[in-house]
Protein backbone atom coordinates (compact mmCIF):
# COMPACT_ATOMS: atom_id res chain seq x y z
CA UNK A 1 -8.64 -10.42 -15.87
CA UNK A 2 -10.51 -13.29 -17.55
CA UNK A 3 -7.70 -14.11 -20.02
CA UNK A 4 -4.17 -14.47 -18.67
CA UNK A 5 -1.60 -13.16 -21.18
CA UNK A 6 1.19 -15.60 -22.08
CA UNK A 7 3.56 -16.18 -24.99
CA UNK A 8 3.17 -19.74 -26.28
CA UNK A 9 6.14 -21.64 -27.77
CA UNK A 10 5.11 -22.57 -31.34
CA UNK A 11 8.44 -23.08 -33.14
CA UNK A 12 8.08 -26.06 -35.52
CA UNK A 13 4.74 -27.02 -33.94
CA UNK A 14 1.53 -27.57 -35.97
CA UNK A 15 -0.73 -24.51 -36.18
CA UNK A 16 -4.05 -25.32 -37.82
CA UNK A 17 -6.73 -23.22 -39.51
CA UNK A 18 -10.10 -24.67 -40.50
CA UNK A 19 -11.69 -22.42 -43.12
CA UNK A 20 -10.76 -20.86 -46.43
CA UNK A 21 -12.38 -17.42 -46.43
CA UNK A 22 -11.53 -13.92 -45.28
CA UNK A 23 -11.55 -14.81 -41.57
CA UNK A 24 -9.07 -17.62 -42.18
CA UNK A 25 -6.83 -15.37 -44.27
CA UNK A 26 -6.77 -12.75 -41.49
CA UNK A 27 -5.53 -15.35 -38.99
CA UNK A 28 -2.96 -16.64 -41.47
CA UNK A 29 -1.38 -13.18 -41.71
CA UNK A 30 -0.51 -13.42 -38.02
CA UNK A 31 0.47 -17.09 -37.97
CA UNK A 32 2.85 -16.60 -40.89
CA UNK A 33 4.97 -14.35 -38.65
CA UNK A 34 5.83 -17.43 -36.56
CA UNK A 35 8.10 -20.42 -37.25
CA UNK A 36 5.26 -22.88 -36.67
CA UNK A 37 4.13 -25.48 -39.26
CA UNK A 38 0.87 -24.08 -40.64
CA UNK A 39 -1.82 -26.27 -42.20
CA UNK A 40 -5.14 -25.02 -43.53
CA UNK A 41 -8.23 -27.17 -44.13
CA UNK A 42 -10.67 -25.94 -46.80
CA UNK A 43 -12.47 -27.40 -49.79
CA UNK A 44 -12.55 -24.12 -51.74
CA UNK A 45 -10.02 -21.64 -50.32
CA UNK A 46 -9.46 -18.08 -51.49
CA UNK A 47 -6.98 -17.52 -54.30
CA UNK A 48 -4.66 -15.67 -51.87
CA UNK A 49 -4.53 -18.78 -49.67
CA UNK A 50 -3.75 -20.99 -52.67
CA UNK A 51 -0.88 -18.64 -53.58
CA UNK A 52 0.56 -18.89 -50.08
CA UNK A 53 0.43 -22.68 -50.36
CA UNK A 54 2.14 -22.55 -53.76
CA UNK A 55 4.93 -20.50 -52.21
CA UNK A 56 5.46 -23.23 -49.61
CA UNK A 57 4.43 -21.03 -46.70
CA UNK A 58 1.66 -23.37 -45.55
CA UNK A 59 0.20 -26.81 -46.25
CA UNK A 60 -3.22 -26.70 -47.92
CA UNK A 61 -5.45 -29.70 -47.22
CA UNK A 62 -8.48 -29.63 -49.52
CA UNK A 63 -11.05 -31.25 -47.27
CA UNK A 64 -13.00 -30.57 -44.09
CA UNK A 65 -11.34 -30.82 -40.69
CA UNK A 66 -11.57 -34.38 -39.30
CA UNK A 67 -10.89 -36.29 -36.07
CA UNK A 68 -7.17 -36.93 -35.68
CA UNK A 69 -6.11 -33.68 -37.40
CA UNK A 70 -5.42 -31.88 -34.11
CA UNK A 71 -3.71 -34.72 -32.26
CA UNK A 72 -0.36 -32.88 -31.96
CA UNK A 73 -1.41 -29.31 -32.74
CA UNK A 74 -0.50 -26.33 -30.57
CA UNK A 75 -3.35 -24.10 -31.77
CA UNK A 76 -6.48 -24.52 -33.88
CA UNK A 77 -8.46 -21.65 -35.40
CA UNK A 78 -12.07 -22.48 -36.31
CA UNK A 79 -12.53 -19.87 -39.04
CA UNK A 80 -15.09 -21.23 -41.48
CA UNK A 81 -17.51 -18.33 -40.80
CA UNK A 82 -20.22 -20.94 -40.17
CA UNK A 83 -21.26 -21.35 -36.53
CA UNK A 84 -22.17 -25.03 -36.76
CA UNK A 85 -18.99 -25.99 -38.63
CA UNK A 86 -16.81 -23.97 -36.25
CA UNK A 87 -18.45 -25.69 -33.26
CA UNK A 88 -17.74 -29.11 -34.84
CA UNK A 89 -14.08 -28.20 -35.43
CA UNK A 90 -13.75 -26.85 -31.89
CA UNK A 91 -15.16 -30.04 -30.38
CA UNK A 92 -12.59 -32.15 -32.26
CA UNK A 93 -9.71 -29.85 -31.32
CA UNK A 94 -10.60 -29.80 -27.62
CA UNK A 95 -11.00 -33.57 -27.50
CA UNK A 96 -7.51 -33.95 -28.98
CA UNK A 97 -5.87 -31.53 -26.51
CA UNK A 98 -5.34 -28.47 -28.72
CA UNK A 99 -6.15 -24.90 -27.73
CA UNK A 100 -8.95 -23.60 -29.93
CA UNK A 101 -10.16 -20.18 -31.02
CA UNK A 102 -13.54 -19.74 -32.68
CA UNK A 103 -13.35 -16.58 -34.75
CA UNK A 104 -15.85 -13.97 -33.51
CA UNK A 105 -17.00 -16.29 -30.70
CA UNK A 106 -15.43 -15.03 -27.48
CA UNK A 107 -17.50 -17.18 -25.12
CA UNK A 108 -16.46 -20.55 -26.62
CA UNK A 109 -12.80 -19.71 -27.35
CA UNK A 110 -10.00 -20.96 -25.14
CA UNK A 111 -7.64 -18.20 -26.21
CA UNK A 112 -7.77 -14.82 -27.93
CA UNK A 113 -5.45 -13.33 -30.51
CA UNK A 114 -4.22 -9.90 -29.37
CA UNK A 115 -3.25 -6.93 -31.48
CA UNK A 116 0.49 -7.31 -32.05
CA UNK A 117 3.36 -4.87 -32.47
CA UNK A 118 6.14 -6.89 -34.08
CA UNK A 119 9.78 -5.95 -33.53
CA UNK A 120 10.92 -9.56 -33.53
CA UNK A 121 12.17 -10.78 -31.08
CA UNK A 122 10.47 -7.92 -29.22
CA UNK A 123 6.72 -8.45 -29.41
CA UNK A 124 4.05 -6.29 -27.76
CA UNK A 125 0.64 -7.94 -27.40
CA UNK A 126 -2.42 -5.77 -26.72
CA UNK A 127 -5.66 -7.34 -25.57
CA UNK A 128 -9.07 -6.00 -24.53
CA UNK A 129 -10.60 -9.45 -23.83
CA UNK A 130 -12.58 -9.10 -27.03
CA UNK A 131 -14.56 -6.11 -25.81
CA UNK A 132 -13.04 -3.25 -27.82
CA UNK A 133 -11.02 -4.17 -30.93
CA UNK A 134 -11.00 -0.52 -32.05
CA UNK A 135 -9.29 0.42 -28.78
CA UNK A 136 -6.67 -2.31 -29.23
CA UNK A 137 -5.94 -1.05 -32.74
CA UNK A 138 -5.57 2.53 -31.50
CA UNK A 139 -3.15 1.45 -28.78
CA UNK A 140 -1.23 -0.62 -31.33
CA UNK A 141 -0.85 2.43 -33.56
CA UNK A 142 0.39 4.45 -30.60
CA UNK A 143 2.96 1.82 -29.62
CA UNK A 144 4.07 1.31 -33.23
CA UNK A 145 4.89 5.02 -33.44
CA UNK A 146 6.91 4.91 -30.21
CA UNK A 147 9.08 1.85 -30.90
CA UNK A 148 12.00 2.26 -33.28
CA UNK A 149 12.07 -0.16 -36.23
CA UNK A 150 15.64 -1.08 -35.17
CA UNK A 151 14.57 -2.24 -31.71
CA UNK A 152 14.27 -5.86 -32.83
CA UNK A 153 17.76 -5.79 -34.32
CA UNK A 154 19.22 -4.39 -31.10
CA UNK A 155 17.51 -7.13 -29.05
CA UNK A 156 18.46 -9.95 -31.46
CA UNK A 157 22.15 -9.03 -31.43
CA UNK A 158 22.14 -8.51 -27.66
CA UNK A 159 20.65 -11.94 -26.93
CA UNK A 160 23.84 -14.05 -27.27
CA UNK A 161 25.73 -11.38 -25.30
CA UNK A 162 23.57 -11.85 -22.19
CA UNK A 163 25.91 -14.44 -20.65
CA UNK A 164 28.80 -11.98 -20.99
CA UNK A 165 26.82 -9.33 -19.11
CA UNK A 166 26.45 -11.74 -16.18
CA UNK A 167 29.96 -10.64 -15.21
CA UNK A 168 28.25 -7.56 -13.80
CA UNK A 169 26.59 -7.85 -10.36
CA UNK A 170 22.90 -8.71 -10.49
CA UNK A 171 20.47 -5.84 -10.00
CA UNK A 172 21.24 -2.17 -10.56
CA UNK A 173 24.69 -2.57 -12.25
CA UNK A 174 23.37 -5.04 -14.83
CA UNK A 175 20.23 -2.99 -15.48
CA UNK A 176 22.36 0.13 -15.95
CA UNK A 177 24.43 -1.67 -18.60
CA UNK A 178 21.41 -2.80 -20.62
CA UNK A 179 19.70 0.56 -20.21
CA UNK A 180 22.78 2.28 -21.64
CA UNK A 181 22.88 -0.14 -24.58
CA UNK A 182 19.19 0.01 -25.54
CA UNK A 183 18.68 3.64 -24.63
CA UNK A 184 21.77 5.31 -26.06
CA UNK A 185 24.80 3.32 -27.24
CA UNK A 186 22.98 0.74 -29.37
CA UNK A 187 20.77 3.12 -31.40
CA UNK A 188 23.66 5.57 -31.91
CA UNK A 189 26.17 2.94 -33.04
CA UNK A 190 23.65 1.17 -35.29
CA UNK A 191 22.78 4.43 -37.04
CA UNK A 192 26.47 4.94 -37.89
CA UNK A 193 27.82 1.44 -38.46
CA UNK A 194 24.83 -0.89 -38.88
CA UNK A 195 24.45 -4.40 -37.46
CA UNK A 196 28.17 -5.22 -37.61
CA UNK A 197 29.11 -2.42 -35.22
CA UNK A 198 26.88 -3.57 -32.38
CA UNK A 199 28.94 -6.46 -30.93
CA UNK A 200 32.12 -4.32 -30.65
CA UNK A 201 30.00 -1.60 -29.06
CA UNK A 202 28.60 -4.08 -26.52
CA UNK A 203 32.12 -5.28 -25.66
CA UNK A 204 33.37 -1.73 -25.18
CA UNK A 205 30.33 -0.77 -23.09
CA UNK A 206 30.70 -3.85 -20.89
CA UNK A 207 34.36 -2.99 -20.25
CA UNK A 208 33.36 0.49 -19.14
CA UNK A 209 30.76 -0.85 -16.73
CA UNK A 210 33.05 -3.54 -15.30
CA UNK A 211 35.70 -0.96 -14.40
CA UNK A 212 33.26 1.66 -13.11
CA UNK A 213 32.98 2.38 -9.40
CA UNK A 214 30.29 0.22 -7.73
CA UNK A 215 26.96 1.97 -7.64
CA UNK A 216 26.13 3.52 -4.31
CA UNK A 217 22.79 3.08 -2.66
CA UNK A 218 20.38 5.97 -2.88
CA UNK A 219 17.04 6.87 -1.34
CA UNK A 220 14.46 8.80 -3.33
CA UNK A 221 11.60 10.25 -1.32
CA UNK A 222 8.68 10.24 -3.72
CA UNK A 223 5.39 12.03 -3.21
CA UNK A 224 2.73 9.72 -4.69
CA UNK A 225 0.00 12.35 -4.71
CA UNK A 226 -3.50 11.85 -3.32
CA UNK A 227 -4.20 8.53 -5.06
CA UNK A 228 -4.96 9.04 -8.73
CA UNK A 229 -2.05 7.43 -10.66
CA UNK A 230 -2.37 10.08 -13.37
CA UNK A 231 -1.38 12.73 -10.84
CA UNK A 232 2.08 11.19 -10.41
CA UNK A 233 4.90 13.31 -11.81
CA UNK A 234 7.08 11.96 -14.61
CA UNK A 235 10.03 12.00 -12.22
CA UNK A 236 8.07 9.89 -9.72
CA UNK A 237 7.30 7.29 -12.38
CA UNK A 238 10.96 7.13 -13.42
CA UNK A 239 12.00 6.62 -9.80
CA UNK A 240 9.53 3.74 -9.40
CA UNK A 241 10.79 2.16 -12.60
CA UNK A 242 14.39 2.23 -11.35
CA UNK A 243 13.76 1.13 -7.77
CA UNK A 244 15.14 -2.07 -6.27
CA UNK A 245 13.08 -1.54 -3.11
CA UNK A 246 9.87 0.41 -2.49
CA UNK A 247 8.87 1.23 1.09
CA UNK A 248 5.34 2.61 0.96
CA UNK A 249 2.73 4.16 3.20
CA UNK A 250 -0.62 2.58 4.00
CA UNK A 251 -2.59 5.03 1.84
CA UNK A 252 -0.75 4.36 -1.43
CA UNK A 253 -3.30 3.27 -4.03
CA UNK A 254 -2.67 -0.21 -5.55
CA UNK A 255 -2.57 1.14 -9.15
CA UNK A 256 0.44 3.26 -8.15
CA UNK A 257 2.28 0.26 -6.71
CA UNK A 258 1.65 -1.54 -10.01
CA UNK A 259 3.97 1.00 -11.67
CA UNK A 260 6.99 -0.32 -9.77
CA UNK A 261 9.26 -2.86 -11.44
CA UNK A 262 7.94 -6.39 -11.06
CA UNK A 263 11.29 -7.50 -9.61
CA UNK A 264 11.34 -4.75 -6.97
CA UNK A 265 10.87 -5.61 -3.31
CA UNK A 266 7.63 -3.93 -2.17
CA UNK A 267 7.34 -3.36 1.59
CA UNK A 268 4.29 -1.91 3.36
CA UNK A 269 5.55 0.26 6.21
CA UNK A 270 2.30 2.12 6.67
CA UNK A 271 1.30 3.67 9.96
CA UNK A 272 -2.31 4.15 10.98
CA UNK A 273 -3.52 6.90 13.27
CA UNK A 274 -4.47 5.39 16.66
CA UNK A 275 -3.72 1.94 15.17
CA UNK A 276 -0.95 -0.55 14.38
CA UNK A 277 1.84 -0.05 11.90
CA UNK A 278 5.60 0.08 11.47
CA UNK A 279 7.27 2.46 13.92
CA UNK A 280 9.56 5.20 12.66
CA UNK A 281 12.72 3.52 13.95
CA UNK A 282 11.91 0.40 11.92
CA UNK A 283 11.35 2.47 8.78
CA UNK A 284 14.64 4.29 9.31
CA UNK A 285 16.46 0.97 9.77
CA UNK A 286 14.99 -0.42 6.54
CA UNK A 287 16.05 2.67 4.58
CA UNK A 288 19.60 2.41 5.90
CA UNK A 289 19.83 -1.37 5.44
CA UNK A 290 18.78 -1.41 1.78
CA UNK A 291 20.70 1.72 0.77
CA UNK A 292 23.95 0.47 2.34
CA UNK A 293 23.55 -2.70 0.25
CA UNK A 294 23.89 -0.51 -2.84
CA UNK A 295 20.19 -0.63 -3.69
CA UNK A 296 18.03 2.10 -5.17
CA UNK A 297 15.30 2.73 -2.60
CA UNK A 298 12.07 4.62 -3.13
CA UNK A 299 10.36 5.84 0.02
CA UNK A 300 6.84 6.28 -1.34
CA UNK A 301 4.60 8.61 0.64
CA UNK A 302 1.04 9.64 -0.10
CA UNK A 303 0.56 13.28 -1.06
CA UNK A 304 3.81 15.20 -0.69
CA UNK A 305 6.68 13.88 1.43
CA UNK A 306 7.23 17.30 2.97
CA UNK A 307 3.68 17.74 4.27
CA UNK A 308 3.16 15.75 7.49
CA UNK A 309 5.32 12.98 6.03
CA UNK A 310 8.19 12.86 8.57
CA UNK A 311 10.60 13.64 5.75
CA UNK A 312 13.09 15.45 8.01
CA UNK A 313 13.28 12.53 10.44
CA UNK A 314 14.08 10.04 7.71
CA UNK A 315 16.68 12.26 6.03
CA UNK A 316 18.33 12.81 9.40
CA UNK A 317 18.56 9.03 9.84
CA UNK A 318 20.42 8.73 6.51
CA UNK A 319 22.94 11.53 7.04
CA UNK A 320 25.27 9.77 9.55
CA UNK A 321 25.68 6.89 7.09
CA UNK A 322 26.57 9.12 4.13
CA UNK A 323 23.60 7.84 2.13
CA UNK A 324 22.59 10.07 -0.75
CA UNK A 325 18.99 11.08 -1.21
CA UNK A 326 16.71 13.14 -3.40
CA UNK A 327 13.16 14.39 -2.99
CA UNK A 328 10.48 14.19 -5.67
CA UNK A 329 7.55 16.41 -4.64
CA UNK A 330 3.98 15.24 -5.08
CA UNK A 331 0.54 16.81 -5.21
CA UNK A 332 -0.61 17.19 -1.65
CA UNK A 333 -4.16 16.32 -0.58
CA UNK A 334 -5.00 19.99 0.05
CA UNK A 335 -4.46 20.84 -3.62
CA UNK A 336 -6.39 17.77 -4.79
CA UNK A 337 -9.30 18.50 -2.47
CA UNK A 338 -9.51 22.14 -3.57
CA UNK A 339 -9.49 21.03 -7.20
CA UNK A 340 -12.27 18.54 -6.45
CA UNK A 341 -14.59 21.27 -5.21
CA UNK A 342 -13.64 23.79 -7.89
CA UNK A 343 -12.12 26.30 -5.51
CA UNK A 344 -8.83 28.13 -4.98
CA UNK A 345 -7.05 27.85 -1.68
CA UNK A 346 -6.35 31.59 -1.94
CA UNK A 347 -8.55 34.27 -3.43
CA UNK A 348 -7.92 37.94 -4.04
CA UNK A 349 -9.98 39.99 -1.60
CA UNK A 350 -10.72 37.00 0.63
CA UNK A 351 -7.49 35.51 1.95
CA UNK A 352 -3.87 36.20 1.13
CA UNK A 353 -2.62 33.15 2.99
CA UNK A 354 -3.70 29.61 3.70
CA UNK A 355 -2.78 27.47 6.69
CA UNK A 356 -1.82 23.83 6.28
CA UNK A 357 -2.53 22.19 9.64
CA UNK A 358 -2.97 18.84 11.33
CA UNK A 359 -5.89 17.89 13.53
CA UNK A 360 -3.71 15.83 15.82
CA UNK A 361 -0.06 15.01 16.33
CA UNK A 362 1.95 12.56 18.44
CA UNK A 363 0.84 14.35 21.61
CA UNK A 364 -2.89 14.22 20.78
CA UNK A 365 -5.15 16.93 19.39
CA UNK A 366 -2.97 19.70 17.98
CA UNK A 367 -3.22 23.25 19.29
CA UNK A 368 -3.08 26.10 16.75
CA UNK A 369 -3.39 29.87 16.61
CA UNK A 370 -7.17 29.65 17.00
CA UNK A 371 -7.69 33.38 17.45
CA UNK A 372 -6.08 34.19 14.08
CA UNK A 373 -7.88 31.33 12.34
CA UNK A 374 -11.26 32.45 13.68
CA UNK A 375 -11.15 35.77 11.83
CA UNK A 376 -13.56 36.12 8.87
CA UNK A 377 -12.10 35.10 5.51
CA UNK A 378 -9.44 32.78 6.90
CA UNK A 379 -8.82 29.49 5.05
CA UNK A 380 -7.09 26.34 6.24
CA UNK A 381 -6.48 22.84 4.93
CA UNK A 382 -6.63 20.56 7.94
CA UNK A 383 -5.19 17.06 7.66
CA UNK A 384 -6.18 14.20 10.00
CA UNK A 385 -9.29 16.10 11.00
CA UNK A 386 -11.93 13.34 11.25
CA UNK A 387 -11.31 12.33 14.86
CA UNK A 388 -10.53 15.94 15.79
CA UNK A 389 -13.71 17.44 14.27
CA UNK A 390 -15.46 18.20 17.59
CA UNK A 391 -12.21 19.51 19.09
CA UNK A 392 -11.72 21.80 16.07
CA UNK A 393 -15.30 23.03 16.24
CA UNK A 394 -15.00 23.82 19.96
CA UNK A 395 -11.67 25.62 19.71
CA UNK A 396 -12.72 27.76 16.72
CA UNK A 397 -16.13 28.76 18.08
CA UNK A 398 -14.60 29.46 21.50
CA UNK A 399 -12.32 32.00 19.81
CA UNK A 400 -15.10 33.71 17.89
CA UNK A 401 -15.49 31.80 14.62
CA UNK A 402 -19.03 32.05 13.22
CA UNK A 403 -21.07 28.87 13.46
CA UNK A 404 -22.12 29.22 9.81
CA UNK A 405 -18.50 29.32 8.55
CA UNK A 406 -18.28 27.04 5.52
CA UNK A 407 -16.30 23.83 5.85
CA UNK A 408 -15.89 21.08 3.27
CA UNK A 409 -14.75 17.52 3.86
CA UNK A 410 -13.22 15.70 0.89
CA UNK A 411 -12.84 11.97 1.40
CA UNK A 412 -10.50 9.95 -0.86
CA UNK A 413 -9.60 13.04 -2.90
CA UNK A 414 -8.93 12.31 -6.59
CA UNK A 415 -9.85 8.63 -6.31
CA UNK A 416 -12.82 6.89 -7.96
CA UNK A 417 -14.61 6.72 -4.58
CA UNK A 418 -14.06 10.42 -3.83
CA UNK A 419 -16.82 11.99 -1.74
CA UNK A 420 -17.47 15.67 -1.06
CA UNK A 421 -19.38 16.65 2.08
CA UNK A 422 -20.39 20.31 2.40
CA UNK A 423 -21.07 21.49 5.95
CA UNK A 424 -20.65 24.40 8.33
CA UNK A 425 -18.68 24.70 11.53
CA UNK A 426 -21.94 24.04 13.41
CA UNK A 427 -22.54 20.70 11.65
CA UNK A 428 -18.90 19.61 11.30
CA UNK A 429 -18.89 16.71 13.82
CA UNK A 430 -22.01 15.15 12.31
CA UNK A 431 -20.62 15.56 8.76
CA UNK A 432 -17.37 13.82 9.72
CA UNK A 433 -19.02 11.00 11.66
CA UNK A 434 -19.61 8.59 8.76
CA UNK A 435 -16.35 9.14 6.88
CA UNK A 436 -14.25 5.97 6.66
CA UNK A 437 -11.49 6.86 4.16
CA UNK A 438 -8.72 9.44 4.41
CA UNK A 439 -10.25 12.91 4.42
CA UNK A 440 -9.07 16.49 4.43
CA UNK A 441 -11.02 19.40 5.89
CA UNK A 442 -11.11 22.66 3.94
CA UNK A 443 -12.02 25.34 6.46
CA UNK A 444 -13.50 28.57 5.17
CA UNK A 445 -14.52 27.47 1.65
CA UNK A 446 -17.54 25.67 0.21
CA UNK A 447 -17.81 23.68 -3.03
CA UNK A 448 -18.86 25.46 -6.17
CA UNK A 449 -22.23 24.22 -7.40
CA UNK A 450 -20.84 22.55 -10.53
CA UNK A 451 -18.14 20.74 -8.58
CA UNK A 452 -20.64 19.66 -5.94
CA UNK A 453 -22.91 18.16 -8.57
CA UNK A 454 -20.16 16.59 -10.71
CA UNK A 455 -17.15 15.80 -8.50
CA UNK A 456 -15.58 13.52 -11.13
CA UNK A 457 -15.80 15.09 -14.57
CA UNK A 458 -15.17 12.90 -17.65
CA UNK A 459 -11.65 12.96 -19.01
CA UNK A 460 -11.09 14.88 -22.22
CA UNK A 461 -9.89 12.76 -25.14
CA UNK A 462 -6.22 12.89 -26.01
CA UNK A 463 -5.86 14.96 -29.15
CA UNK A 464 -2.15 14.42 -29.63
CA UNK A 465 -2.10 10.99 -31.25
CA UNK A 466 -3.99 7.99 -32.64
CA UNK A 467 -6.16 7.69 -29.52
CA UNK A 468 -8.17 10.72 -30.60
CA UNK A 469 -9.94 8.43 -33.07
CA UNK A 470 -11.82 6.98 -30.13
CA UNK A 471 -13.61 10.22 -29.31
């Protein structure tokens, strides 16, 4: 991020534009939405600019920008559409302590003007750091369509009521109150009774929440999938958005953690095979501690919580304390790996079942029904198989598995650094030797040629809204 997004206080502060043409007029259209004091410097401005000045919406100064003009200004736009003149204006503005933007000159500008969705006082700013204005406009159109025109009214009327809502405990109870107002009560009441009905509705809603039973803590076990944030379920995203605390595994991708509320406590409780990490008793204690404080806890596990995720142990720790829980399933690595190589885990005429196995467990390398697995046509998805690759090879071949049985290793399934390694049982240990990321072994199936050549296919454009214009 080369430009840090902020909202600058400009109420009653000088906002200056140097230039009188189309570029200047475009900037004026945005500045006129503010309560700043706008002055424009131009010898021969457009008629539209003169009309705005005649209406008293800006001060028109019919001369070139000079030293001293920016001495107390918040912002200066150099918009003369002449590179030399814009550079001169920018030099004056910088010397006098004002932030300056040179129109169509990203490199020399101190700030950028984003695309804006205006639901005053709710403002959404969309920036692409100057690289893709058409993308910013498409996103703006998408957001405009999603936000009700009454949203600003709801926020404006709610603002002076905020101190009243402080009677509710901080955290989940207060968030629940505002969520009910903005998500249901406010829009419904406004549609029936208009602006005047909103304050009585807020008072009634606050009374209901003050007399309600205190919220109980809850633990939601969320499967985060194999790593691609777009593979999260809608229910998983909602749980992250509502969480006070997120306890996550080591393999959770950073973009997924970014989806949690900024105010949420994020705790890494990851365990590493044959390495350091939080022990299970510590994780159980953290779940119990936060939930008994009335907090909404998300236990975020990679893949699916119910597949080698110690889900049963953690639920059993909650039960004696009467802590409620729910489970949000996720896409497990076996499904993501099979998708990556363009194969089904089951296939008519080949295998009517698939084994989901682990290469090692708490006791060491894990023993399985090797005789059954060694039969032709058998398929297995083997987790934690890297260190166990030679053990797996030995056990399977000892029980009659053919040395040329196809095996596929998928490292970092679904992530940008995904890697597919096709091998056979004979070459399995060598194929696994240089893997460094989390990998799953698909025993009995090989990649399709297309998937092997193009493991990460380009995403199809969204055809359901304004974004399709980008295709």
